[in-house]
Structure formats: C-alpha cells, structure tokens
Amino acid sequence: MDAISFQLLFNGLVLGAGYGVLGLGFALTLRAAGAVNFAHGDVAAVAAYGGVTAVLFGATGVLAVGVAALVGGALGLVGGRYCMGTSPSAPSRIYFHSRHRLRNSGTK
C-alpha cells in the first residue's frame, strides 16, 4: 500500500468516526430530551474558529486542537449553565423556547 492510499484510508476512517460521533450525539439527545437539538454544529463551528484563530496567531497543530477543544468545552459549559441554570433538574429553557416557537408558528 503506497502513501497516498494509506492517507486516503486514514482520512476516511477519521471522517467516518466523526460522523459516527455526531450521529451518536443526535441519537442520545433525541432519546433523552425527546427533541432533536441541532446545536452540535454550532458549537463545533465556534470551536473550529477558535482553532483557526490559534493557528493564525502562530500556534502549532496540536496546540490549535487543544484551543479548539477548550473553546468548545467552554461554550458547552456556558450554554449548559444558561439553559439549565444551577440545578441539573431545572427545566430546560431551550426546550421551552423551541416548543413555544413551534406552537406559535402554526406548525405542529
């Protein structure tokens, strides 16, 4: 197997693993909340922007991945605290807003 074939195989496996994790996140969210939450892509995009910004400021690839993970994690923590408040058993504001919008938009 030459170098290009190995690189294509590796890229395909990494991309497939990423799609699998994304699908698993959607499935877990649907099962737990009863509604699909499409915020995964938003958090991933903001984390990727953080990683690209780190590269533009001269960071190496490994450091940029770390920065992207920290940015995504921080956004998840802040978003979770905003949506759930301080109590994990409190009702979700996002669920309330999405149900309210669906009810008032005329769609079921």
N, C-alpha and C. Protein backbone atom coordinates (compact mmCIF):
# COMPACT_ATOMS: atom_id res chain seq x y z
N MET A 1 0.86 -1.17 0.00
CA MET A 1 0.00 0.00 0.00
C MET A 1 0.91 1.23 0.00
N ASP A 2 0.70 2.09 -0.97
CA ASP A 2 1.55 3.28 -1.05
C ASP A 2 1.04 4.36 -0.09
N ALA A 3 1.78 5.46 -0.02
CA ALA A 3 1.49 6.51 0.97
C ALA A 3 0.15 7.19 0.72
N ILE A 4 -0.20 7.38 -0.54
CA ILE A 4 -1.47 8.07 -0.84
C ILE A 4 -2.66 7.20 -0.44
N SER A 5 -2.58 5.91 -0.73
CA SER A 5 -3.68 5.02 -0.34
C SER A 5 -3.85 4.97 1.17
N PHE A 6 -2.72 4.91 1.88
CA PHE A 6 -2.78 4.90 3.33
C PHE A 6 -3.39 6.19 3.86
N GLN A 7 -3.01 7.32 3.28
CA GLN A 7 -3.55 8.61 3.73
C GLN A 7 -5.05 8.70 3.45
N LEU A 8 -5.49 8.22 2.29
CA LEU A 8 -6.92 8.21 1.97
C LEU A 8 -7.70 7.31 2.92
N LEU A 9 -7.13 6.15 3.23
CA LEU A 9 -7.78 5.24 4.17
C LEU A 9 -7.90 5.89 5.55
N PHE A 10 -6.82 6.49 6.00
CA PHE A 10 -6.82 7.15 7.31
C PHE A 10 -7.83 8.30 7.34
N ASN A 11 -7.84 9.13 6.29
CA ASN A 11 -8.79 10.24 6.23
C ASN A 11 -10.23 9.75 6.24
N GLY A 12 -10.50 8.67 5.52
CA GLY A 12 -11.85 8.11 5.51
C GLY A 12 -12.28 7.58 6.86
N LEU A 13 -11.35 6.92 7.55
CA LEU A 13 -11.68 6.41 8.89
C LEU A 13 -11.92 7.53 9.88
N VAL A 14 -11.11 8.58 9.82
CA VAL A 14 -11.30 9.71 10.73
C VAL A 14 -12.61 10.43 10.43
N LEU A 15 -12.92 10.64 9.17
CA LEU A 15 -14.17 11.30 8.81
C LEU A 15 -15.38 10.46 9.21
N GLY A 16 -15.30 9.16 8.99
CA GLY A 16 -16.38 8.27 9.39
C GLY A 16 -16.57 8.24 10.90
N ALA A 17 -15.47 8.28 11.65
CA ALA A 17 -15.57 8.32 13.11
C ALA A 17 -16.22 9.61 13.57
N GLY A 18 -15.89 10.72 12.91
CA GLY A 18 -16.51 12.00 13.25
C GLY A 18 -18.01 11.98 12.98
N TYR A 19 -18.41 11.42 11.83
CA TYR A 19 -19.84 11.31 11.53
C TYR A 19 -20.54 10.39 12.53
N GLY A 20 -19.85 9.33 12.94
CA GLY A 20 -20.44 8.42 13.92
C GLY A 20 -20.67 9.10 15.26
N VAL A 21 -19.70 9.88 15.72
CA VAL A 21 -19.85 10.59 16.99
C VAL A 21 -20.96 11.62 16.89
N LEU A 22 -21.04 12.31 15.76
CA LEU A 22 -22.11 13.30 15.56
C LEU A 22 -23.49 12.62 15.58
N GLY A 23 -23.61 11.51 14.89
CA GLY A 23 -24.87 10.76 14.89
C GLY A 23 -25.23 10.23 16.26
N LEU A 24 -24.22 9.78 16.99
CA LEU A 24 -24.46 9.30 18.35
C LEU A 24 -24.95 10.43 19.25
N GLY A 25 -24.39 11.62 19.08
CA GLY A 25 -24.85 12.77 19.85
C GLY A 25 -26.30 13.11 19.55
N PHE A 26 -26.66 13.07 18.26
CA PHE A 26 -28.06 13.32 17.89
C PHE A 26 -28.98 12.26 18.47
N ALA A 27 -28.58 11.00 18.39
CA ALA A 27 -29.41 9.91 18.90
C ALA A 27 -29.59 10.01 20.42
N LEU A 28 -28.51 10.31 21.14
CA LEU A 28 -28.62 10.45 22.59
C LEU A 28 -29.49 11.63 22.99
N THR A 29 -29.34 12.74 22.27
CA THR A 29 -30.15 13.91 22.57
C THR A 29 -31.62 13.64 22.29
N LEU A 30 -31.90 12.98 21.18
CA LEU A 30 -33.29 12.66 20.85
C LEU A 30 -33.89 11.72 21.88
N ARG A 31 -33.12 10.74 22.30
CA ARG A 31 -33.63 9.76 23.27
C ARG A 31 -33.84 10.40 24.65
N ALA A 32 -32.92 11.27 25.04
CA ALA A 32 -33.00 11.85 26.39
C ALA A 32 -34.03 12.97 26.47
N ALA A 33 -34.10 13.83 25.47
CA ALA A 33 -34.97 15.01 25.55
C ALA A 33 -36.25 14.86 24.76
N GLY A 34 -36.31 13.91 23.86
CA GLY A 34 -37.49 13.77 23.03
C GLY A 34 -37.55 14.79 21.90
N ALA A 35 -36.48 15.53 21.69
CA ALA A 35 -36.42 16.52 20.62
C ALA A 35 -35.00 16.55 20.08
N VAL A 36 -34.86 16.80 18.80
CA VAL A 36 -33.54 16.86 18.20
C VAL A 36 -32.96 18.25 18.44
N ASN A 37 -31.72 18.29 18.87
CA ASN A 37 -31.02 19.55 19.13
C ASN A 37 -29.93 19.70 18.09
N PHE A 38 -30.05 20.71 17.23
CA PHE A 38 -29.07 20.90 16.17
C PHE A 38 -27.96 21.86 16.58
N ALA A 39 -27.73 22.05 17.86
CA ALA A 39 -26.69 22.96 18.32
C ALA A 39 -25.30 22.34 18.25
N HIS A 40 -25.19 21.05 17.96
CA HIS A 40 -23.88 20.41 17.88
C HIS A 40 -23.02 21.09 16.82
N GLY A 41 -23.59 21.37 15.67
CA GLY A 41 -22.84 22.01 14.59
C GLY A 41 -22.40 23.42 14.94
N ASP A 42 -23.23 24.14 15.66
CA ASP A 42 -22.87 25.50 16.08
C ASP A 42 -21.67 25.49 17.01
N VAL A 43 -21.69 24.60 17.98
CA VAL A 43 -20.59 24.51 18.93
C VAL A 43 -19.31 24.06 18.22
N ALA A 44 -19.43 23.11 17.30
CA ALA A 44 -18.26 22.64 16.56
C ALA A 44 -17.69 23.75 15.67
N ALA A 45 -18.57 24.56 15.07
CA ALA A 45 -18.08 25.65 14.22
C ALA A 45 -17.35 26.71 15.04
N VAL A 46 -17.89 27.05 16.20
CA VAL A 46 -17.22 28.05 17.05
C VAL A 46 -15.89 27.50 17.55
N ALA A 47 -15.84 26.21 17.90
CA ALA A 47 -14.59 25.60 18.33
C ALA A 47 -13.57 25.59 17.19
N ALA A 48 -14.03 25.31 15.97
CA ALA A 48 -13.12 25.33 14.82
C ALA A 48 -12.59 26.73 14.55
N TYR A 49 -13.42 27.74 14.70
CA TYR A 49 -12.95 29.12 14.57
C TYR A 49 -11.89 29.44 15.62
N GLY A 50 -12.06 28.92 16.82
CA GLY A 50 -11.06 29.12 17.85
C GLY A 50 -9.74 28.47 17.48
N GLY A 51 -9.80 27.26 16.90
CA GLY A 51 -8.59 26.59 16.46
C GLY A 51 -7.90 27.31 15.31
N VAL A 52 -8.68 27.79 14.35
CA VAL A 52 -8.11 28.54 13.22
C VAL A 52 -7.49 29.84 13.70
N THR A 53 -8.14 30.49 14.64
CA THR A 53 -7.58 31.73 15.20
C THR A 53 -6.26 31.45 15.91
N ALA A 54 -6.18 30.33 16.60
CA ALA A 54 -4.92 29.97 17.26
C ALA A 54 -3.81 29.74 16.24
N VAL A 55 -4.14 29.11 15.11
CA VAL A 55 -3.14 28.90 14.06
C VAL A 55 -2.71 30.23 13.47
N LEU A 56 -3.64 31.14 13.28
CA LEU A 56 -3.29 32.46 12.73
C LEU A 56 -2.37 33.24 13.66
N PHE A 57 -2.46 32.96 14.95
CA PHE A 57 -1.57 33.62 15.91
C PHE A 57 -0.27 32.84 16.12
N GLY A 58 -0.04 31.80 15.32
CA GLY A 58 1.23 31.11 15.33
C GLY A 58 1.29 29.83 16.13
N ALA A 59 0.15 29.28 16.52
CA ALA A 59 0.15 28.04 17.30
C ALA A 59 0.41 26.84 16.39
N THR A 60 0.96 25.78 16.95
CA THR A 60 1.15 24.54 16.20
C THR A 60 -0.18 23.81 16.07
N GLY A 61 -0.19 22.74 15.29
CA GLY A 61 -1.43 22.00 15.08
C GLY A 61 -1.98 21.38 16.36
N VAL A 62 -1.12 20.81 17.18
CA VAL A 62 -1.56 20.17 18.42
C VAL A 62 -2.13 21.21 19.38
N LEU A 63 -1.47 22.35 19.47
CA LEU A 63 -1.96 23.42 20.34
C LEU A 63 -3.29 23.97 19.82
N ALA A 64 -3.44 24.07 18.50
CA ALA A 64 -4.69 24.56 17.93
C ALA A 64 -5.84 23.61 18.23
N VAL A 65 -5.59 22.32 18.20
CA VAL A 65 -6.63 21.35 18.55
C VAL A 65 -7.01 21.50 20.02
N GLY A 66 -6.01 21.73 20.87
CA GLY A 66 -6.29 21.97 22.29
C GLY A 66 -7.11 23.22 22.51
N VAL A 67 -6.75 24.28 21.78
CA VAL A 67 -7.53 25.53 21.89
C VAL A 67 -8.96 25.31 21.42
N ALA A 68 -9.12 24.58 20.31
CA ALA A 68 -10.47 24.31 19.81
C ALA A 68 -11.28 23.50 20.83
N ALA A 69 -10.64 22.52 21.47
CA ALA A 69 -11.34 21.74 22.49
C ALA A 69 -11.72 22.60 23.69
N LEU A 70 -10.82 23.49 24.10
CA LEU A 70 -11.13 24.38 25.22
C LEU A 70 -12.26 25.35 24.88
N VAL A 71 -12.23 25.90 23.66
CA VAL A 71 -13.29 26.83 23.25
C VAL A 71 -14.63 26.10 23.19
N GLY A 72 -14.65 24.91 22.59
CA GLY A 72 -15.90 24.15 22.52
C GLY A 72 -16.41 23.75 23.89
N GLY A 73 -15.49 23.32 24.76
CA GLY A 73 -15.89 22.95 26.12
C GLY A 73 -16.42 24.13 26.92
N ALA A 74 -15.74 25.27 26.77
CA ALA A 74 -16.20 26.47 27.49
C ALA A 74 -17.58 26.90 26.99
N LEU A 75 -17.77 26.85 25.68
CA LEU A 75 -19.09 27.21 25.14
C LEU A 75 -20.16 26.25 25.62
N GLY A 76 -19.83 24.96 25.70
CA GLY A 76 -20.78 23.98 26.22
C GLY A 76 -21.12 24.22 27.68
N LEU A 77 -20.11 24.55 28.48
CA LEU A 77 -20.36 24.82 29.90
C LEU A 77 -21.21 26.08 30.09
N VAL A 78 -20.86 27.14 29.37
CA VAL A 78 -21.63 28.39 29.49
C VAL A 78 -23.06 28.19 28.99
N GLY A 79 -23.20 27.51 27.86
CA GLY A 79 -24.54 27.25 27.34
C GLY A 79 -25.34 26.36 28.26
N GLY A 80 -24.70 25.36 28.84
CA GLY A 80 -25.39 24.48 29.78
C GLY A 80 -25.83 25.20 31.03
N ARG A 81 -24.97 26.07 31.54
CA ARG A 81 -25.35 26.86 32.73
C ARG A 81 -26.48 27.82 32.42
N TYR A 82 -26.47 28.40 31.22
CA TYR A 82 -27.55 29.32 30.86
C TYR A 82 -28.86 28.56 30.69
N CYS A 83 -28.80 27.42 30.01
CA CYS A 83 -30.03 26.70 29.72
C CYS A 83 -30.58 25.94 30.91
N MET A 84 -29.70 25.41 31.73
CA MET A 84 -30.16 24.59 32.85
C MET A 84 -30.13 25.33 34.18
N GLY A 85 -29.49 26.49 34.23
CA GLY A 85 -29.37 27.20 35.49
C GLY A 85 -28.37 26.50 36.39
N THR A 86 -28.53 26.63 37.66
CA THR A 86 -27.59 25.99 38.58
C THR A 86 -28.04 24.60 38.97
N SER A 87 -29.28 24.27 38.75
CA SER A 87 -29.79 22.96 39.13
C SER A 87 -29.93 22.07 37.89
N PRO A 88 -29.34 20.87 37.90
CA PRO A 88 -29.50 19.98 36.75
C PRO A 88 -30.94 19.50 36.56
N SER A 89 -31.76 19.58 37.61
CA SER A 89 -33.14 19.12 37.48
C SER A 89 -34.09 20.23 37.02
N ALA A 90 -33.57 21.44 36.80
CA ALA A 90 -34.42 22.54 36.35
C ALA A 90 -34.84 22.31 34.91
N PRO A 91 -36.04 22.77 34.52
CA PRO A 91 -36.46 22.58 33.13
C PRO A 91 -35.60 23.39 32.18
N SER A 92 -35.41 22.85 31.00
CA SER A 92 -34.54 23.49 30.03
C SER A 92 -35.22 24.68 29.36
N ARG A 93 -34.53 25.81 29.30
CA ARG A 93 -35.07 26.99 28.62
C ARG A 93 -35.13 26.79 27.12
N ILE A 94 -34.14 26.07 26.57
CA ILE A 94 -34.13 25.83 25.13
C ILE A 94 -35.35 25.01 24.73
N TYR A 95 -35.67 23.98 25.50
CA TYR A 95 -36.83 23.16 25.19
C TYR A 95 -38.10 23.99 25.25
N PHE A 96 -38.21 24.87 26.24
CA PHE A 96 -39.38 25.73 26.35
C PHE A 96 -39.47 26.66 25.14
N HIS A 97 -38.36 27.28 24.76
CA HIS A 97 -38.39 28.22 23.64
C HIS A 97 -38.71 27.51 22.33
N SER A 98 -38.16 26.33 22.12
CA SER A 98 -38.45 25.63 20.86
C SER A 98 -39.90 25.19 20.82
N ARG A 99 -40.45 24.73 21.92
CA ARG A 99 -41.86 24.33 21.94
C ARG A 99 -42.76 25.55 21.75
N HIS A 100 -42.38 26.68 22.37
CA HIS A 100 -43.16 27.89 22.23
C HIS A 100 -43.17 28.37 20.78
N ARG A 101 -42.02 28.33 20.13
CA ARG A 101 -41.95 28.77 18.73
C ARG A 101 -42.75 27.86 17.83
N LEU A 102 -42.67 26.55 18.05
CA LEU A 102 -43.44 25.62 17.22
C LEU A 102 -44.94 25.83 17.43
N ARG A 103 -45.34 26.07 18.66
CA ARG A 103 -46.76 26.25 18.94
C ARG A 103 -47.28 27.54 18.29
N ASN A 104 -46.47 28.60 18.30
CA ASN A 104 -46.92 29.88 17.78
C ASN A 104 -46.65 30.07 16.30
N SER A 105 -45.96 29.13 15.65
CA SER A 105 -45.68 29.29 14.24
C SER A 105 -46.76 28.71 13.35
N GLY A 106 -47.70 27.99 13.92
CA GLY A 106 -48.77 27.42 13.14
C GLY A 106 -48.46 26.02 12.65
N THR A 107 -47.28 25.48 12.95
CA THR A 107 -46.94 24.11 12.57
C THR A 107 -47.05 23.21 13.79
N LYS A 108 -47.22 21.97 13.55
CA LYS A 108 -47.34 21.00 14.66
C LYS A 108 -46.17 20.08 14.63
